[in-house]
Protein backbone atom coordinates (compact mmCIF):
# COMPACT_ATOMS: atom_id res chain seq x y z
CA UNK A 1 -0.11 -0.30 0.08
CA UNK A 2 1.23 3.76 -1.17
CA UNK A 3 0.50 6.99 0.15
CA UNK A 4 1.14 10.36 -0.01
CA UNK A 5 2.88 12.34 2.16
CA UNK A 6 5.99 14.16 0.49
CA UNK A 7 7.05 15.11 -3.03
CA UNK A 8 9.82 12.23 -2.41
CA UNK A 9 7.46 9.75 -2.20
CA UNK A 10 6.86 9.41 -5.84
CA UNK A 11 10.39 8.48 -8.14
CA UNK A 12 10.78 11.12 -10.89
CA UNK A 13 9.71 8.25 -13.38
CA UNK A 14 6.42 7.86 -10.85
CA UNK A 15 5.60 11.45 -11.24
CA UNK A 16 6.26 11.26 -15.11
CA UNK A 17 3.67 8.57 -15.44
CA UNK A 18 1.21 10.54 -13.31
CA UNK A 19 1.53 13.54 -15.94
CA UNK A 20 1.07 10.97 -18.80
CA UNK A 21 -1.99 9.44 -17.72
CA UNK A 22 -3.48 13.20 -16.86
CA UNK A 23 -3.04 13.89 -20.38
CA UNK A 24 -4.95 11.32 -21.35
CA UNK A 25 -7.85 12.32 -18.95
CA UNK A 26 -7.98 15.42 -20.74
CA UNK A 27 -8.10 13.58 -24.47
CA UNK A 28 -10.19 10.41 -23.25
CA UNK A 29 -12.41 11.50 -20.37
CA UNK A 30 -14.86 8.95 -20.78
CA UNK A 31 -12.39 6.41 -20.36
CA UNK A 32 -12.00 6.96 -16.78
CA UNK A 33 -15.76 8.07 -15.17
CA UNK A 34 -15.82 4.48 -13.98
CA UNK A 35 -12.76 2.87 -12.79
CA UNK A 36 -13.52 4.50 -9.27
CA UNK A 37 -16.88 3.44 -9.14
CA UNK A 38 -17.90 1.27 -5.78
CA UNK A 39 -15.09 3.02 -4.06
CA UNK A 40 -15.15 5.97 -1.30
CA UNK A 41 -12.57 8.85 -1.04
CA UNK A 42 -13.06 10.60 2.74
CA UNK A 43 -11.48 14.04 2.82
CA UNK A 44 -10.71 15.10 6.35
CA UNK A 45 -10.08 18.40 6.08
CA UNK A 46 -9.01 19.72 9.78
CA UNK A 47 -8.57 23.29 7.99
CA UNK A 48 -10.69 25.81 6.03
CA UNK A 49 -9.91 24.87 2.06
CA UNK A 50 -12.11 25.56 -1.01
CA UNK A 51 -9.74 24.67 -3.87
CA UNK A 52 -7.95 21.40 -2.23
CA UNK A 53 -11.00 19.95 -0.74
CA UNK A 54 -13.66 20.64 -3.70
CA UNK A 55 -10.95 19.72 -6.52
CA UNK A 56 -10.66 16.08 -4.30
CA UNK A 57 -14.47 15.60 -4.33
CA UNK A 58 -14.90 16.21 -8.06
CA UNK A 59 -11.91 14.39 -9.01
CA UNK A 60 -13.23 11.13 -7.18
CA UNK A 61 -16.98 11.65 -8.47
CA UNK A 62 -15.44 12.36 -12.00
CA UNK A 63 -14.00 8.88 -11.68
CA UNK A 64 -17.38 7.30 -10.51
CA UNK A 65 -16.37 7.74 -6.93
CA UNK A 66 -18.23 8.60 -3.78
CA UNK A 67 -16.90 10.94 -1.19
CA UNK A 68 -17.50 11.07 2.46
CA UNK A 69 -16.16 13.44 5.67
CA UNK A 70 -15.37 17.02 7.15
CA UNK A 71 -14.61 20.50 6.48
CA UNK A 72 -13.76 21.24 10.03
CA UNK A 73 -11.95 20.24 13.07
CA UNK A 74 -14.89 21.60 14.38
CA UNK A 75 -17.21 19.08 12.73
CA UNK A 76 -15.56 15.89 13.36
CA UNK A 77 -14.44 14.28 16.49
CA UNK A 78 -11.18 15.85 16.97
CA UNK A 79 -13.42 18.88 18.85
CA UNK A 80 -13.89 15.70 21.18
CA UNK A 81 -9.48 15.12 21.78
CA UNK A 82 -9.46 12.09 19.28
CA UNK A 83 -6.44 11.83 18.27
CA UNK A 84 -5.54 11.59 14.43
CA UNK A 85 -4.16 7.80 14.78
CA UNK A 86 -7.47 6.84 16.12
CA UNK A 87 -9.58 8.72 12.97
CA UNK A 88 -7.69 7.36 10.43
CA UNK A 89 -8.15 3.98 12.28
CA UNK A 90 -11.76 5.17 12.06
CA UNK A 91 -12.70 6.34 8.75
CA UNK A 92 -10.69 3.37 6.86
CA UNK A 93 -13.37 1.46 7.76
CA UNK A 94 -15.76 3.57 5.91
CA UNK A 95 -13.41 4.36 2.83
CA UNK A 96 -10.80 3.07 0.71
CA UNK A 97 -8.55 6.30 0.14
CA UNK A 98 -7.99 9.43 2.80
CA UNK A 99 -6.85 13.03 1.62
CA UNK A 100 -6.25 15.15 4.89
CA UNK A 101 -5.42 18.55 5.70
CA UNK A 102 -4.66 19.43 8.81
CA UNK A 103 -2.50 22.70 10.42
CA UNK A 104 -0.01 20.71 12.69
CA UNK A 105 3.02 19.68 10.74
CA UNK A 106 3.26 15.75 10.11
CA UNK A 107 -0.06 14.72 11.16
CA UNK A 108 -1.10 13.04 7.66
CA UNK A 109 2.53 11.07 8.28
CA UNK A 110 1.16 9.79 11.51
CA UNK A 111 -2.20 9.22 9.90
CA UNK A 112 -0.31 7.40 7.47
CA UNK A 113 1.68 5.20 9.90
CA UNK A 114 -1.85 3.83 11.34
CA UNK A 115 -4.09 3.86 7.65
CA UNK A 116 -5.46 0.87 7.12
CA UNK A 117 -6.21 2.66 3.75
CA UNK A 118 -3.95 5.08 1.70
CA UNK A 119 -3.29 8.82 2.48
CA UNK A 120 -2.67 11.92 0.87
CA UNK A 121 -1.20 14.52 2.14
CA UNK A 122 -3.75 17.55 1.43
CA UNK A 123 -1.45 19.98 3.55
CA UNK A 124 0.00 20.40 6.78
CA UNK A 125 0.68 23.54 8.14
CA UNK A 126 3.77 25.23 6.57
CA UNK A 127 5.12 21.78 5.86
CA UNK A 128 4.56 20.11 2.49
CA UNK A 129 1.78 20.19 0.47
CA UNK A 130 2.56 17.28 -2.94
CA UNK A 131 -0.64 17.60 -4.11
CA UNK A 132 -0.44 21.05 -5.08
CA UNK A 133 3.07 20.16 -6.20
CA UNK A 134 1.58 17.95 -8.72
CA UNK A 135 -0.69 20.54 -9.73
CA UNK A 136 2.46 22.70 -10.48
CA UNK A 137 3.87 20.77 -12.27
CA UNK A 138 0.75 19.46 -14.73
CA UNK A 139 0.39 23.34 -15.26
CA UNK A 140 4.23 23.77 -16.71
CA UNK A 141 4.62 19.96 -18.21
CA UNK A 142 0.88 21.14 -20.09
CA UNK A 143 1.67 25.11 -21.05
CA UNK A 144 5.28 24.46 -21.87
CA UNK A 145 5.34 20.87 -22.97
CA UNK A 146 8.37 20.11 -20.21
CA UNK A 147 9.32 20.36 -16.87
CA UNK A 148 13.05 20.64 -17.08
CA UNK A 149 15.72 23.38 -18.51
CA UNK A 150 14.06 26.82 -17.21
CA UNK A 151 14.24 29.53 -14.80
CA UNK A 152 11.68 29.60 -11.79
CA UNK A 153 10.81 32.50 -9.76
CA UNK A 154 9.45 31.80 -6.85
CA UNK A 155 7.72 35.09 -4.80
CA UNK A 156 6.25 36.46 -1.50
CA UNK A 157 6.08 34.37 1.44
CA UNK A 158 8.96 31.59 1.19
CA UNK A 159 9.47 30.60 4.81
CA UNK A 160 5.82 29.45 5.56
CA UNK A 161 5.02 28.74 1.75
CA UNK A 162 4.07 24.74 1.92
CA UNK A 163 3.61 24.84 -1.29
CA UNK A 164 6.74 26.72 -2.00
CA UNK A 165 8.88 24.18 -0.28
CA UNK A 166 7.28 21.42 -2.01
CA UNK A 167 8.08 22.44 -5.22
CA UNK A 168 11.39 22.96 -4.59
CA UNK A 169 11.63 19.45 -4.01
CA UNK A 170 10.28 18.11 -6.46
CA UNK A 171 11.44 20.53 -9.52
CA UNK A 172 15.11 19.94 -7.65
CA UNK A 173 15.12 16.13 -9.56
CA UNK A 174 14.87 17.59 -13.30
CA UNK A 175 17.36 18.85 -15.15
CA UNK A 176 18.66 22.34 -16.04
CA UNK A 177 16.60 23.78 -13.17
CA UNK A 178 17.59 27.27 -11.82
CA UNK A 179 15.56 28.92 -8.80
CA UNK A 180 15.17 33.13 -8.36
CA UNK A 181 13.47 33.34 -4.56
CA UNK A 182 12.49 36.44 -4.75
CA UNK A 183 11.15 37.34 -0.90
CA UNK A 184 11.63 40.33 2.03
CA UNK A 185 14.61 38.87 4.73
CA UNK A 186 11.96 37.89 7.44
CA UNK A 187 9.96 35.52 4.95
CA UNK A 188 13.09 33.99 2.76
CA UNK A 189 13.57 30.57 2.41
CA UNK A 190 14.21 28.43 5.30
CA UNK A 191 18.11 27.07 5.64
CA UNK A 192 17.23 23.41 5.29
CA UNK A 193 16.04 24.11 2.12
CA UNK A 194 19.02 25.80 0.70
CA UNK A 195 20.98 23.76 2.82
CA UNK A 196 19.97 19.66 1.93
CA UNK A 197 18.05 20.40 -1.04
CA UNK A 198 19.65 23.65 -3.82
CA UNK A 199 23.25 23.06 -2.09
CA UNK A 200 23.35 19.36 -1.60
CA UNK A 201 22.51 18.91 -5.22
CA UNK A 202 24.44 21.95 -6.49
CA UNK A 203 21.10 22.80 -8.27
CA UNK A 204 21.92 26.90 -8.85
CA UNK A 205 19.60 30.06 -7.51
CA UNK A 206 19.49 33.33 -6.57
CA UNK A 207 17.87 35.32 -3.54
CA UNK A 208 16.33 38.37 -4.17
CA UNK A 209 14.47 41.54 -2.47
CA UNK A 210 13.49 42.91 -6.72
CA UNK A 211 10.41 41.40 -8.12
CA UNK A 212 11.26 43.68 -11.15
CA UNK A 213 14.87 43.18 -11.16
CA UNK A 214 14.32 39.49 -11.73
CA UNK A 215 11.34 39.76 -13.91
CA UNK A 216 13.70 39.44 -17.32
CA UNK A 217 14.73 35.96 -16.46
CA UNK A 218 11.87 33.85 -15.36
CA UNK A 219 10.23 30.70 -17.32
CA UNK A 220 8.18 30.70 -14.40
CA UNK A 221 6.44 33.17 -11.51
CA UNK A 222 5.00 31.48 -8.79
CA UNK A 223 3.46 33.98 -6.55
CA UNK A 224 1.97 32.93 -3.36
CA UNK A 225 0.30 35.49 -0.86
CA UNK A 226 1.16 36.21 2.96
CA UNK A 227 -0.69 34.18 4.81
CA UNK A 228 -2.29 35.48 7.83
CA UNK A 229 -2.59 32.05 9.70
CA UNK A 230 0.99 31.24 9.67
CA UNK A 231 1.79 34.69 11.70
CA UNK A 232 2.31 34.37 15.95
CA UNK A 233 1.84 38.30 15.58
CA UNK A 234 -1.18 40.14 13.32
CA UNK A 235 1.69 43.63 13.73
CA UNK A 236 4.26 41.34 11.51
CA UNK A 237 1.91 40.12 9.28
CA UNK A 238 0.52 43.42 8.07
CA UNK A 239 4.29 44.77 8.07
CA UNK A 240 4.98 41.94 5.47
CA UNK A 241 1.32 41.31 3.71
CA UNK A 242 2.09 43.84 1.04
CA UNK A 243 5.24 43.85 0.59
CA UNK A 244 5.13 42.26 -3.69
CA UNK A 245 2.16 43.10 -5.76
CA UNK A 246 2.65 41.33 -9.31
CA UNK A 247 1.08 44.69 -11.49
CA UNK A 248 0.63 44.83 -15.86
CA UNK A 249 3.21 47.40 -15.16
CA UNK A 250 5.97 45.12 -13.61
CA UNK A 251 4.89 42.02 -16.44
CA UNK A 252 6.23 44.90 -19.18
CA UNK A 253 9.98 43.70 -18.58
CA UNK A 254 8.56 39.74 -18.80
CA UNK A 255 9.01 36.94 -21.51
CA UNK A 256 6.53 36.77 -23.93
CA UNK A 257 6.28 33.12 -23.05
CA UNK A 258 6.32 33.51 -19.26
CA UNK A 259 3.45 31.63 -16.72
CA UNK A 260 2.17 33.06 -13.76
CA UNK A 261 1.30 30.45 -11.24
CA UNK A 262 -0.42 31.05 -7.88
CA UNK A 263 -1.49 28.12 -5.78
CA UNK A 264 -4.70 30.57 -5.24
CA UNK A 265 -6.83 31.79 -2.95
CA UNK A 266 -5.50 34.95 -3.97
CA UNK A 267 -5.45 37.62 -1.81
CA UNK A 268 -4.08 41.10 -3.46
CA UNK A 269 -0.22 39.88 -4.17
CA UNK A 270 -1.77 39.16 -8.07
CA UNK A 271 -3.55 42.34 -9.75
CA UNK A 272 -6.80 41.18 -11.01
CA UNK A 273 -5.96 43.34 -13.95
CA UNK A 274 -3.39 40.63 -14.86
CA UNK A 275 -6.25 38.12 -15.06
CA UNK A 276 -6.46 38.78 -18.67
CA UNK A 277 -2.88 38.83 -19.41
CA UNK A 278 -2.60 35.52 -21.35
CA UNK A 279 0.71 34.23 -19.66
CA UNK A 280 -1.69 34.41 -16.29
CA UNK A 281 -2.40 30.83 -15.87
CA UNK A 282 -3.45 30.29 -11.87
CA UNK A 283 -6.98 29.31 -13.18
CA UNK A 284 -6.10 26.89 -15.33
CA UNK A 285 -3.96 25.42 -12.73
CA UNK A 286 -6.88 25.29 -11.00
CA UNK A 287 -8.19 23.13 -13.95
CA UNK A 288 -5.18 20.82 -13.69
CA UNK A 289 -5.03 19.89 -10.21
CA UNK A 290 -8.30 18.17 -10.45
CA UNK A 291 -6.65 16.52 -13.39
CA UNK A 292 -3.78 15.27 -11.29
CA UNK A 293 -5.65 14.08 -8.24
CA UNK A 294 -8.15 12.03 -11.13
CA UNK A 295 -4.50 10.10 -11.74
CA UNK A 296 -2.85 10.20 -8.08
CA UNK A 297 -6.37 8.47 -7.03
CA UNK A 298 -6.07 5.70 -9.40
CA UNK A 299 -2.42 5.25 -8.80
CA UNK A 300 -3.00 4.59 -5.32
CA UNK A 301 -6.22 2.80 -5.45
CA UNK A 302 -4.52 0.69 -8.36
CA UNK A 303 -7.63 1.05 -10.39
CA UNK A 304 -5.79 3.20 -13.48
CA UNK A 305 -6.89 1.80 -16.77
CA UNK A 306 -4.09 -0.06 -19.12
CA UNK A 307 -2.40 1.66 -20.52
CA UNK A 308 -1.15 3.03 -17.01
CA UNK A 309 -1.98 0.42 -15.06
CA UNK A 310 2.16 -0.72 -14.21
CA UNK A 311 4.37 0.22 -11.50
CA UNK A 312 7.64 1.71 -12.74
CA UNK A 313 10.49 -0.79 -12.20
CA UNK A 314 12.75 1.42 -10.45
CA UNK A 315 9.61 2.11 -7.71
CA UNK A 316 10.77 2.91 -4.24
CA UNK A 317 14.61 4.68 -6.05
CA UNK A 318 15.55 8.03 -5.46
CA UNK A 319 12.22 8.88 -2.84
CA UNK A 320 13.07 9.95 0.72
CA UNK A 321 14.98 8.54 2.41
CA UNK A 322 13.69 6.60 6.07
CA UNK A 323 16.99 6.39 7.72
CA UNK A 324 17.89 4.93 11.76
CA UNK A 325 15.23 6.42 13.61
CA UNK A 326 16.24 7.84 17.33
CA UNK A 327 13.79 8.72 19.97
CA UNK A 328 15.63 10.70 22.88
CA UNK A 329 15.40 14.21 21.59
CA UNK A 330 12.47 16.40 21.83
CA UNK A 331 10.81 18.66 18.92
CA UNK A 332 10.26 22.33 20.18
CA UNK A 333 8.80 23.30 16.94
CA UNK A 334 5.16 24.62 17.95
CA UNK A 335 3.59 23.67 14.76
CA UNK A 336 4.53 20.15 14.71
CA UNK A 337 1.68 17.58 15.62
CA UNK A 338 3.96 16.32 18.76
CA UNK A 339 2.23 19.39 20.13
CA UNK A 340 -0.75 18.23 20.36
CA UNK A 341 -0.24 14.06 20.25
CA UNK A 342 1.12 13.21 23.93
CA UNK A 343 1.58 9.85 22.93
CA UNK A 344 3.82 10.79 19.69
CA UNK A 345 7.24 9.82 20.73
CA UNK A 346 9.36 13.03 19.32
CA UNK A 347 11.43 10.73 16.84
CA UNK A 348 14.47 12.17 14.76
CA UNK A 349 16.30 10.83 11.58
CA UNK A 350 20.24 12.06 11.34
CA UNK A 351 20.65 14.84 8.86
CA UNK A 352 24.35 16.17 9.40
CA UNK A 353 26.60 13.79 11.33
CA UNK A 354 29.18 16.46 11.34
CA UNK A 355 27.20 18.94 13.15
CA UNK A 356 25.07 16.16 14.64
CA UNK A 357 22.07 18.15 13.28
CA UNK A 358 18.49 15.75 13.53
CA UNK A 359 15.41 16.41 11.69
CA UNK A 360 11.70 15.65 13.31
CA UNK A 361 10.54 12.37 11.45
CA UNK A 362 7.21 14.74 11.61
CA UNK A 363 8.28 18.25 10.90
CA UNK A 364 11.28 18.00 10.19
CA UNK A 365 12.57 20.51 12.53
CA UNK A 366 16.66 20.85 13.30
CA UNK A 367 17.71 19.82 16.83
CA UNK A 368 21.16 19.27 17.61
CA UNK A 369 22.15 16.33 20.30
CA UNK A 370 24.06 18.29 23.16
């Protein structure tokens, strides 16, 4: 049984196969209209969502399946104190596959560790959002005809933006990718992303504060909103929320075939005047998100019609390291699932042997052994 918790859970070959299935779904939708008949998807959403939840639900319905679930923690037994592990064991009695969104980082991993059915991470705090990454890759694949050899600009909240972290992780496995990281100092990309992905793989990147300066060289511009819900201080959020606003004037210096992506929801970081620009692809992105989630659901349920019903021969390679786990350290990340699930062991894997740095297996928070 497979889960999708992290972008590295699938090999490049598997991702490319999903993109191929997505292409076929667009061309031949009737071929897939009943492949999940009799199957149920449970959408377990502990925090608000419009696009992701409805995308999963419409994907399953277009495959002929049914949907059950909840759209907030208040309407689930979590409000009574039920653990993630217990919830997924119960849901496994009702559904064939589950998609989980949770404000605490690592919650979908805990679910997968205890689940009798496949679990899809639909976003965990500011950590990972692998199906948004698949959506981004599908959009780039459709609009550019490739997902390699390009310069990708990531703009806005790069610190808490889980979509950014996941996209960097995924694109780092393709050839010829270069990143331009555009943010204020307070919202720069976390050091562990730079050290353990970009630097480790020798992927070229530059960090700048000026969107205007970066614009002419970009093939993809990935805009993000500054997320109010990730800030501890309202004052800090208000100070940073308007740091980047994309306007038609700024696009005058962009390439004619550049694509503008955004995981949505948009607040004011992209002017509505940009929507008419042919380079604006963020609403197309929503459609491609439904398509790639259809492909993912079929893969995890193993119901994909021929000729896409085989597992790649190198399945399991190139995926994230499992490594040896130690349990004598403590995670101090306030957003980690261990802060509310008191019986969870605080488990860590080695990140850097030289500095004796370990990372929490749930949220990837770094801790040094004293």
